Amino acid sequence: MACRSRFSSVSEATEAYITNLNTHPAYAPFRNSRASMRERGEQLEGYRLIGTLLRYSERGLNYVQFVRQIMRENELSDFDRAKLSEAWSF
């Protein structure tokens, strides 16, 4: 059975997600792809980057496809240009 954490706020859950993506060894491909995009001067694209998170969920590719569907349906690519505060610059 999967362990599920409870967060007191969306902000707390987001902080945990960001920390996990930026520290856990399983997500090194995500960090490497992000760094490569930055080095080439490309805009970071969440739709492309999510493809590197096959190990984020036991659902693997189904998870990636699900998140991409959510991104399309909610036009979340609009947030690709968003910037985090200095405290969250990875």
PDB file of N, CA and C in Angstrom:
ATOM      1  N   MET A   1       0.846  -1.181   0.000  1.00  0.00           N
ATOM      2  CA  MET A   1       0.000   0.000   0.000  1.00  0.00           C
ATOM      3  C   MET A   1       0.885   1.235   0.000  1.00  0.00           C
ATOM      4  N   ALA A   2       0.541   2.216  -0.804  1.00  0.00           N
ATOM      5  CA  ALA A   2       1.324   3.441  -0.920  1.00  0.00           C
ATOM      6  C   ALA A   2       1.142   4.316   0.310  1.00  0.00           C
ATOM      7  N   CYS A   3       2.209   4.962   0.704  1.00  0.00           N
ATOM      8  CA  CYS A   3       2.169   5.904   1.817  1.00  0.00           C
ATOM      9  C   CYS A   3       1.790   7.272   1.273  1.00  0.00           C
ATOM     10  N   ARG A   4       0.806   7.899   1.854  1.00  0.00           N
ATOM     11  CA  ARG A   4       0.374   9.218   1.399  1.00  0.00           C
ATOM     12  C   ARG A   4       0.584  10.231   2.518  1.00  0.00           C
ATOM     13  N   SER A   5       1.221  11.343   2.152  1.00  0.00           N
ATOM     14  CA  SER A   5       1.457  12.401   3.120  1.00  0.00           C
ATOM     15  C   SER A   5       0.290  13.365   3.104  1.00  0.00           C
ATOM     16  N   ARG A   6       0.046  13.990   4.216  1.00  0.00           N
ATOM     17  CA  ARG A   6      -0.967  15.034   4.296  1.00  0.00           C
ATOM     18  C   ARG A   6      -0.253  16.351   4.512  1.00  0.00           C
ATOM     19  N   PHE A   7      -0.705  17.342   3.783  1.00  0.00           N
ATOM     20  CA  PHE A   7      -0.108  18.659   3.887  1.00  0.00           C
ATOM     21  C   PHE A   7      -1.158  19.630   4.399  1.00  0.00           C
ATOM     22  N   SER A   8      -0.711  20.598   5.154  1.00  0.00           N
ATOM     23  CA  SER A   8      -1.644  21.567   5.729  1.00  0.00           C
ATOM     24  C   SER A   8      -2.063  22.632   4.726  1.00  0.00           C
ATOM     25  N   SER A   9      -1.353  22.731   3.606  1.00  0.00           N
ATOM     26  CA  SER A   9      -1.696  23.744   2.606  1.00  0.00           C
ATOM     27  C   SER A   9      -1.131  23.340   1.250  1.00  0.00           C
ATOM     28  N   VAL A  10      -1.643  23.963   0.205  1.00  0.00           N
ATOM     29  CA  VAL A  10      -1.112  23.733  -1.139  1.00  0.00           C
ATOM     30  C   VAL A  10       0.338  24.186  -1.185  1.00  0.00           C
ATOM     31  N   SER A  11       0.637  25.270  -0.487  1.00  0.00           N
ATOM     32  CA  SER A  11       2.007  25.786  -0.451  1.00  0.00           C
ATOM     33  C   SER A  11       2.966  24.752   0.140  1.00  0.00           C
ATOM     34  N   GLU A  12       2.567  24.116   1.204  1.00  0.00           N
ATOM     35  CA  GLU A  12       3.406  23.099   1.840  1.00  0.00           C
ATOM     36  C   GLU A  12       3.612  21.910   0.905  1.00  0.00           C
ATOM     37  N   ALA A  13       2.561  21.480   0.223  1.00  0.00           N
ATOM     38  CA  ALA A  13       2.669  20.362  -0.718  1.00  0.00           C
ATOM     39  C   ALA A  13       3.574  20.738  -1.886  1.00  0.00           C
ATOM     40  N   THR A  14       3.450  21.959  -2.377  1.00  0.00           N
ATOM     41  CA  THR A  14       4.280  22.424  -3.484  1.00  0.00           C
ATOM     42  C   THR A  14       5.741  22.467  -3.075  1.00  0.00           C
ATOM     43  N   GLU A  15       6.004  22.941  -1.883  1.00  0.00           N
ATOM     44  CA  GLU A  15       7.378  22.991  -1.372  1.00  0.00           C
ATOM     45  C   GLU A  15       7.979  21.590  -1.311  1.00  0.00           C
ATOM     46  N   ALA A  16       7.207  20.626  -0.832  1.00  0.00           N
ATOM     47  CA  ALA A  16       7.698  19.247  -0.750  1.00  0.00           C
ATOM     48  C   ALA A  16       7.953  18.675  -2.143  1.00  0.00           C
ATOM     49  N   TYR A  17       7.079  18.983  -3.099  1.00  0.00           N
ATOM     50  CA  TYR A  17       7.231  18.505  -4.474  1.00  0.00           C
ATOM     51  C   TYR A  17       8.497  19.080  -5.090  1.00  0.00           C
ATOM     52  N   ILE A  18       8.712  20.364  -4.916  1.00  0.00           N
ATOM     53  CA  ILE A  18       9.894  21.028  -5.469  1.00  0.00           C
ATOM     54  C   ILE A  18      11.166  20.441  -4.852  1.00  0.00           C
ATOM     55  N   THR A  19      11.155  20.271  -3.551  1.00  0.00           N
ATOM     56  CA  THR A  19      12.328  19.712  -2.867  1.00  0.00           C
ATOM     57  C   THR A  19      12.605  18.298  -3.367  1.00  0.00           C
ATOM     58  N   ASN A  20      11.571  17.503  -3.498  1.00  0.00           N
ATOM     59  CA  ASN A  20      11.724  16.125  -3.970  1.00  0.00           C
ATOM     60  C   ASN A  20      12.322  16.092  -5.375  1.00  0.00           C
ATOM     61  N   LEU A  21      11.778  16.890  -6.294  1.00  0.00           N
ATOM     62  CA  LEU A  21      12.289  16.916  -7.665  1.00  0.00           C
ATOM     63  C   LEU A  21      13.744  17.373  -7.731  1.00  0.00           C
ATOM     64  N   ASN A  22      14.137  18.235  -6.825  1.00  0.00           N
ATOM     65  CA  ASN A  22      15.469  18.824  -6.884  1.00  0.00           C
ATOM     66  C   ASN A  22      16.507  18.133  -6.016  1.00  0.00           C
ATOM     67  N   THR A  23      16.115  17.063  -5.336  1.00  0.00           N
ATOM     68  CA  THR A  23      17.075  16.386  -4.471  1.00  0.00           C
ATOM     69  C   THR A  23      17.120  14.867  -4.643  1.00  0.00           C
ATOM     70  N   HIS A  24      16.028  14.246  -4.976  1.00  0.00           N
ATOM     71  CA  HIS A  24      15.981  12.776  -5.027  1.00  0.00           C
ATOM     72  C   HIS A  24      16.749  12.263  -6.248  1.00  0.00           C
ATOM     73  N   PRO A  25      17.593  11.264  -6.050  1.00  0.00           N
ATOM     74  CA  PRO A  25      18.386  10.722  -7.168  1.00  0.00           C
ATOM     75  C   PRO A  25      17.545  10.220  -8.347  1.00  0.00           C
ATOM     76  N   ALA A  26      16.348   9.756  -8.091  1.00  0.00           N
ATOM     77  CA  ALA A  26      15.500   9.225  -9.166  1.00  0.00           C
ATOM     78  C   ALA A  26      15.126  10.296 -10.193  1.00  0.00           C
ATOM     79  N   TYR A  27      15.219  11.549  -9.801  1.00  0.00           N
ATOM     80  CA  TYR A  27      14.785  12.625 -10.699  1.00  0.00           C
ATOM     81  C   TYR A  27      15.952  13.396 -11.298  1.00  0.00           C
ATOM     82  N   ALA A  28      17.139  12.775 -11.262  1.00  0.00           N
ATOM     83  CA  ALA A  28      18.311  13.379 -11.905  1.00  0.00           C
ATOM     84  C   ALA A  28      18.065  13.631 -13.396  1.00  0.00           C
ATOM     85  N   PRO A  29      17.365  12.734 -14.119  1.00  0.00           N
ATOM     86  CA  PRO A  29      17.096  13.026 -15.538  1.00  0.00           C
ATOM     87  C   PRO A  29      16.307  14.324 -15.729  1.00  0.00           C
ATOM     88  N   PHE A  30      15.381  14.593 -14.831  1.00  0.00           N
ATOM     89  CA  PHE A  30      14.632  15.853 -14.880  1.00  0.00           C
ATOM     90  C   PHE A  30      15.586  17.037 -14.720  1.00  0.00           C
ATOM     91  N   ARG A  31      16.425  16.965 -13.704  1.00  0.00           N
ATOM     92  CA  ARG A  31      17.351  18.071 -13.433  1.00  0.00           C
ATOM     93  C   ARG A  31      18.356  18.243 -14.570  1.00  0.00           C
ATOM     94  N   ASN A  32      18.839  17.121 -15.123  1.00  0.00           N
ATOM     95  CA  ASN A  32      19.791  17.193 -16.233  1.00  0.00           C
ATOM     96  C   ASN A  32      19.154  17.805 -17.474  1.00  0.00           C
ATOM     97  N   SER A  33      17.925  17.408 -17.782  1.00  0.00           N
ATOM     98  CA  SER A  33      17.229  17.973 -18.942  1.00  0.00           C
ATOM     99  C   SER A  33      16.980  19.459 -18.751  1.00  0.00           C
ATOM    100  N   ARG A  34      16.585  19.830 -17.549  1.00  0.00           N
ATOM    101  CA  ARG A  34      16.342  21.251 -17.249  1.00  0.00           C
ATOM    102  C   ARG A  34      17.628  22.050 -17.402  1.00  0.00           C
ATOM    103  N   ALA A  35      18.723  21.523 -16.888  1.00  0.00           N
ATOM    104  CA  ALA A  35      20.010  22.213 -16.998  1.00  0.00           C
ATOM    105  C   ALA A  35      20.437  22.344 -18.455  1.00  0.00           C
ATOM    106  N   SER A  36      20.239  21.284 -19.233  1.00  0.00           N
ATOM    107  CA  SER A  36      20.601  21.320 -20.659  1.00  0.00           C
ATOM    108  C   SER A  36      19.780  22.369 -21.404  1.00  0.00           C
ATOM    109  N   MET A  37      18.495  22.442 -21.107  1.00  0.00           N
ATOM    110  CA  MET A  37      17.648  23.444 -21.755  1.00  0.00           C
ATOM    111  C   MET A  37      18.146  24.848 -21.414  1.00  0.00           C
ATOM    112  N   ARG A  38      18.503  25.041 -20.154  1.00  0.00           N
ATOM    113  CA  ARG A  38      19.005  26.354 -19.739  1.00  0.00           C
ATOM    114  C   ARG A  38      20.325  26.674 -20.438  1.00  0.00           C
ATOM    115  N   GLU A  39      21.229  25.690 -20.514  1.00  0.00           N
ATOM    116  CA  GLU A  39      22.532  25.900 -21.156  1.00  0.00           C
ATOM    117  C   GLU A  39      22.389  26.273 -22.628  1.00  0.00           C
ATOM    118  N   ARG A  40      21.385  25.713 -23.281  1.00  0.00           N
ATOM    119  CA  ARG A  40      21.146  26.022 -24.691  1.00  0.00           C
ATOM    120  C   ARG A  40      20.341  27.305 -24.881  1.00  0.00           C
ATOM    121  N   GLY A  41      19.959  27.923 -23.763  1.00  0.00           N
ATOM    122  CA  GLY A  41      19.191  29.164 -23.829  1.00  0.00           C
ATOM    123  C   GLY A  41      17.735  28.946 -24.203  1.00  0.00           C
ATOM    124  N   GLU A  42      17.259  27.717 -24.065  1.00  0.00           N
ATOM    125  CA  GLU A  42      15.876  27.395 -24.393  1.00  0.00           C
ATOM    126  C   GLU A  42      14.951  27.753 -23.229  1.00  0.00           C
ATOM    127  N   GLN A  43      13.717  28.056 -23.570  1.00  0.00           N
ATOM    128  CA  GLN A  43      12.705  28.265 -22.541  1.00  0.00           C
ATOM    129  C   GLN A  43      12.380  26.909 -21.924  1.00  0.00           C
ATOM    130  N   LEU A  44      12.265  26.855 -20.615  1.00  0.00           N
ATOM    131  CA  LEU A  44      11.896  25.608 -19.961  1.00  0.00           C
ATOM    132  C   LEU A  44      10.449  25.303 -20.297  1.00  0.00           C
ATOM    133  N   GLU A  45      10.203  24.070 -20.722  1.00  0.00           N
ATOM    134  CA  GLU A  45       8.858  23.645 -21.093  1.00  0.00           C
ATOM    135  C   GLU A  45       8.441  22.479 -20.218  1.00  0.00           C
ATOM    136  N   GLY A  46       7.454  22.708 -19.385  1.00  0.00           N
ATOM    137  CA  GLY A  46       6.969  21.666 -18.499  1.00  0.00           C
ATOM    138  C   GLY A  46       6.506  20.423 -19.232  1.00  0.00           C
ATOM    139  N   TYR A  47       5.871  20.614 -20.391  1.00  0.00           N
ATOM    140  CA  TYR A  47       5.360  19.494 -21.176  1.00  0.00           C
ATOM    141  C   TYR A  47       6.494  18.549 -21.578  1.00  0.00           C
ATOM    142  N   ARG A  48       7.624  19.107 -21.967  1.00  0.00           N
ATOM    143  CA  ARG A  48       8.796  18.280 -22.311  1.00  0.00           C
ATOM    144  C   ARG A  48       9.427  17.679 -21.069  1.00  0.00           C
ATOM    145  N   LEU A  49       9.588  18.489 -20.051  1.00  0.00           N
ATOM    146  CA  LEU A  49      10.267  18.030 -18.845  1.00  0.00           C
ATOM    147  C   LEU A  49       9.515  16.920 -18.127  1.00  0.00           C
ATOM    148  N   ILE A  50       8.187  16.948 -18.168  1.00  0.00           N
ATOM    149  CA  ILE A  50       7.425  15.906 -17.473  1.00  0.00           C
ATOM    150  C   ILE A  50       7.760  14.525 -18.023  1.00  0.00           C
ATOM    151  N   GLY A  51       8.188  14.459 -19.267  1.00  0.00           N
ATOM    152  CA  GLY A  51       8.567  13.179 -19.869  1.00  0.00           C
ATOM    153  C   GLY A  51       9.757  12.518 -19.194  1.00  0.00           C
ATOM    154  N   THR A  52      10.511  13.281 -18.411  1.00  0.00           N
ATOM    155  CA  THR A  52      11.666  12.722 -17.696  1.00  0.00           C
ATOM    156  C   THR A  52      11.288  12.132 -16.339  1.00  0.00           C
ATOM    157  N   LEU A  53      10.018  12.243 -15.974  1.00  0.00           N
ATOM    158  CA  LEU A  53       9.600  11.818 -14.638  1.00  0.00           C
ATOM    159  C   LEU A  53       8.903  10.457 -14.636  1.00  0.00           C
ATOM    160  N   LEU A  54       9.381   9.557 -15.454  1.00  0.00           N
ATOM    161  CA  LEU A  54       8.779   8.226 -15.518  1.00  0.00           C
ATOM    162  C   LEU A  54       8.855   7.498 -14.177  1.00  0.00           C
ATOM    163  N   ARG A  55       9.848   7.829 -13.375  1.00  0.00           N
ATOM    164  CA  ARG A  55      10.016   7.153 -12.082  1.00  0.00           C
ATOM    165  C   ARG A  55       9.309   7.873 -10.942  1.00  0.00           C
ATOM    166  N   TYR A  56       8.637   9.006 -11.247  1.00  0.00           N
ATOM    167  CA  TYR A  56       7.968   9.749 -10.171  1.00  0.00           C
ATOM    168  C   TYR A  56       6.801   8.952  -9.598  1.00  0.00           C
ATOM    169  N   SER A  57       6.137   8.201 -10.446  1.00  0.00           N
ATOM    170  CA  SER A  57       4.977   7.421 -10.030  1.00  0.00           C
ATOM    171  C   SER A  57       5.161   5.978 -10.488  1.00  0.00           C
ATOM    172  N   GLU A  58       4.604   5.060  -9.741  1.00  0.00           N
ATOM    173  CA  GLU A  58       4.650   3.664 -10.173  1.00  0.00           C
ATOM    174  C   GLU A  58       3.845   3.465 -11.453  1.00  0.00           C
ATOM    175  N   ARG A  59       3.036   4.447 -11.831  1.00  0.00           N
ATOM    176  CA  ARG A  59       2.255   4.389 -13.066  1.00  0.00           C
ATOM    177  C   ARG A  59       3.113   4.680 -14.296  1.00  0.00           C
ATOM    178  N   GLY A  60       4.332   5.186 -14.100  1.00  0.00           N
ATOM    179  CA  GLY A  60       5.279   5.409 -15.188  1.00  0.00           C
ATOM    180  C   GLY A  60       4.723   6.267 -16.314  1.00  0.00           C
ATOM    181  N   LEU A  61       4.695   5.727 -17.521  1.00  0.00           N
ATOM    182  CA  LEU A  61       4.253   6.468 -18.694  1.00  0.00           C
ATOM    183  C   LEU A  61       2.797   6.923 -18.549  1.00  0.00           C
ATOM    184  N   ASN A  62       1.961   6.113 -17.916  1.00  0.00           N
ATOM    185  CA  ASN A  62       0.568   6.522 -17.709  1.00  0.00           C
ATOM    186  C   ASN A  62       0.486   7.794 -16.870  1.00  0.00           C
ATOM    187  N   TYR A  63       1.383   7.922 -15.887  1.00  0.00           N
ATOM    188  CA  TYR A  63       1.435   9.139 -15.079  1.00  0.00           C
ATOM    189  C   TYR A  63       1.812  10.334 -15.949  1.00  0.00           C
ATOM    190  N   VAL A  64       2.851  10.168 -16.755  1.00  0.00           N
ATOM    191  CA  VAL A  64       3.306  11.246 -17.634  1.00  0.00           C
ATOM    192  C   VAL A  64       2.179  11.665 -18.576  1.00  0.00           C
ATOM    193  N   GLN A  65       1.491  10.706 -19.162  1.00  0.00           N
ATOM    194  CA  GLN A  65       0.391  11.018 -20.078  1.00  0.00           C
ATOM    195  C   GLN A  65      -0.745  11.723 -19.355  1.00  0.00           C
ATOM    196  N   PHE A  66      -1.046  11.294 -18.137  1.00  0.00           N
ATOM    197  CA  PHE A  66      -2.096  11.913 -17.333  1.00  0.00           C
ATOM    198  C   PHE A  66      -1.758  13.374 -17.031  1.00  0.00           C
ATOM    199  N   VAL A  67      -0.528  13.622 -16.597  1.00  0.00           N
ATOM    200  CA  VAL A  67      -0.128  14.988 -16.282  1.00  0.00           C
ATOM    201  C   VAL A  67      -0.138  15.854 -17.536  1.00  0.00           C
ATOM    202  N   ARG A  68       0.317  15.313 -18.642  1.00  0.00           N
ATOM    203  CA  ARG A  68       0.288  16.075 -19.896  1.00  0.00           C
ATOM    204  C   ARG A  68      -1.146  16.420 -20.299  1.00  0.00           C
ATOM    205  N   GLN A  69      -2.063  15.510 -20.073  1.00  0.00           N
ATOM    206  CA  GLN A  69      -3.464  15.783 -20.381  1.00  0.00           C
ATOM    207  C   GLN A  69      -3.979  16.941 -19.520  1.00  0.00           C
ATOM    208  N   ILE A  70      -3.649  16.908 -18.241  1.00  0.00           N
ATOM    209  CA  ILE A  70      -4.049  17.995 -17.342  1.00  0.00           C
ATOM    210  C   ILE A  70      -3.446  19.314 -17.814  1.00  0.00           C
ATOM    211  N   MET A  71      -2.181  19.271 -18.219  1.00  0.00           N
ATOM    212  CA  MET A  71      -1.494  20.478 -18.682  1.00  0.00           C
ATOM    213  C   MET A  71      -2.187  21.044 -19.927  1.00  0.00           C
ATOM    214  N   ARG A  72      -2.554  20.173 -20.861  1.00  0.00           N
ATOM    215  CA  ARG A  72      -3.238  20.623 -22.090  1.00  0.00           C
ATOM    216  C   ARG A  72      -4.614  21.194 -21.769  1.00  0.00           C
ATOM    217  N   GLU A  73      -5.394  20.438 -21.023  1.00  0.00           N
ATOM    218  CA  GLU A  73      -6.773  20.838 -20.740  1.00  0.00           C
ATOM    219  C   GLU A  73      -6.859  22.144 -19.973  1.00  0.00           C
ATOM    220  N   ASN A  74      -5.850  22.413 -19.154  1.00  0.00           N
ATOM    221  CA  ASN A  74      -5.865  23.625 -18.335  1.00  0.00           C
ATOM    222  C   ASN A  74      -4.918  24.706 -18.849  1.00  0.00           C
ATOM    223  N   GLU A  75      -4.377  24.480 -20.047  1.00  0.00           N
ATOM    224  CA  GLU A  75      -3.487  25.436 -20.695  1.00  0.00           C
ATOM    225  C   GLU A  75      -2.370  25.895 -19.751  1.00  0.00           C
ATOM    226  N   LEU A  76      -1.746  24.933 -19.108  1.00  0.00           N
ATOM    227  CA  LEU A  76      -0.724  25.241 -18.113  1.00  0.00           C
ATOM    228  C   LEU A  76       0.602  25.663 -18.719  1.00  0.00           C
ATOM    229  N   SER A  77       0.748  25.530 -20.026  1.00  0.00           N
ATOM    230  CA  SER A  77       1.985  26.006 -20.655  1.00  0.00           C
ATOM    231  C   SER A  77       2.136  27.512 -20.471  1.00  0.00           C
ATOM    232  N   ASP A  78       1.029  28.195 -20.167  1.00  0.00           N
ATOM    233  CA  ASP A  78       1.096  29.634 -19.881  1.00  0.00           C
ATOM    234  C   ASP A  78       2.034  29.915 -18.702  1.00  0.00           C
ATOM    235  N   PHE A  79       2.222  28.919 -17.849  1.00  0.00           N
ATOM    236  CA  PHE A  79       3.053  29.103 -16.655  1.00  0.00           C
ATOM    237  C   PHE A  79       4.515  28.744 -16.890  1.00  0.00           C
ATOM    238  N   ASP A  80       4.870  28.310 -18.095  1.00  0.00           N
ATOM    239  CA  ASP A  80       6.258  27.962 -18.381  1.00  0.00           C
ATOM    240  C   ASP A  80       7.191  29.155 -18.180  1.00  0.00           C
ATOM    241  N   ARG A  81       6.687  30.339 -18.340  1.00  0.00           N
ATOM    242  CA  ARG A  81       7.520  31.542 -18.182  1.00  0.00           C
ATOM    243  C   ARG A  81       7.525  32.082 -16.752  1.00  0.00           C
ATOM    244  N   ALA A  82       6.788  31.444 -15.867  1.00  0.00           N
ATOM    245  CA  ALA A  82       6.721  31.892 -14.476  1.00  0.00           C
ATOM    246  C   ALA A  82       8.081  31.733 -13.813  1.00  0.00           C
ATOM    247  N   LYS A  83       8.390  32.583 -12.901  1.00  0.00           N
ATOM    248  CA  LYS A  83       9.658  32.536 -12.171  1.00  0.00           C
ATOM    249  C   LYS A  83       9.366  32.333 -10.693  1.00  0.00           C
ATOM    250  N   LEU A  84      10.162  31.491 -10.065  1.00  0.00           N
ATOM    251  CA  LEU A  84      10.076  31.297  -8.624  1.00  0.00           C
ATOM    252  C   LEU A  84      10.886  32.379  -7.933  1.00  0.00           C
ATOM    253  N   SER A  85      10.555  32.612  -6.699  1.00  0.00           N
ATOM    254  CA  SER A  85      11.328  33.580  -5.932  1.00  0.00           C
ATOM    255  C   SER A  85      12.752  33.070  -5.761  1.00  0.00           C
ATOM    256  N   GLU A  86      13.651  33.926  -5.370  1.00  0.00           N
ATOM    257  CA  GLU A  86      15.068  33.551  -5.195  1.00  0.00           C
ATOM    258  C   GLU A  86      15.228  32.354  -4.259  1.00  0.00           C
ATOM    259  N   ALA A  87      14.336  32.225  -3.280  1.00  0.00           N
ATOM    260  CA  ALA A  87      14.433  31.123  -2.324  1.00  0.00           C
ATOM    261  C   ALA A  87      14.257  29.778  -3.010  1.00  0.00           C
ATOM    262  N   TRP A  88      13.621  29.739  -4.193  1.00  0.00           N
ATOM    263  CA  TRP A  88      13.355  28.489  -4.892  1.00  0.00           C
ATOM    264  C   TRP A  88      14.051  28.405  -6.229  1.00  0.00           C
ATOM    265  N   SER A  89      15.109  29.104  -6.417  1.00  0.00           N
ATOM    266  CA  SER A  89      15.825  29.036  -7.681  1.00  0.00           C
ATOM    267  C   SER A  89      16.769  27.856  -7.685  1.00  0.00           C
ATOM    268  N   PHE A  90      16.446  26.847  -8.449  1.00  0.00           N
ATOM    269  CA  PHE A  90      17.291  25.641  -8.544  1.00  0.00           C
ATOM    270  C   PHE A  90      17.964  25.603  -9.870  1.00  0.00           C
TER     271      PHE A  90
END
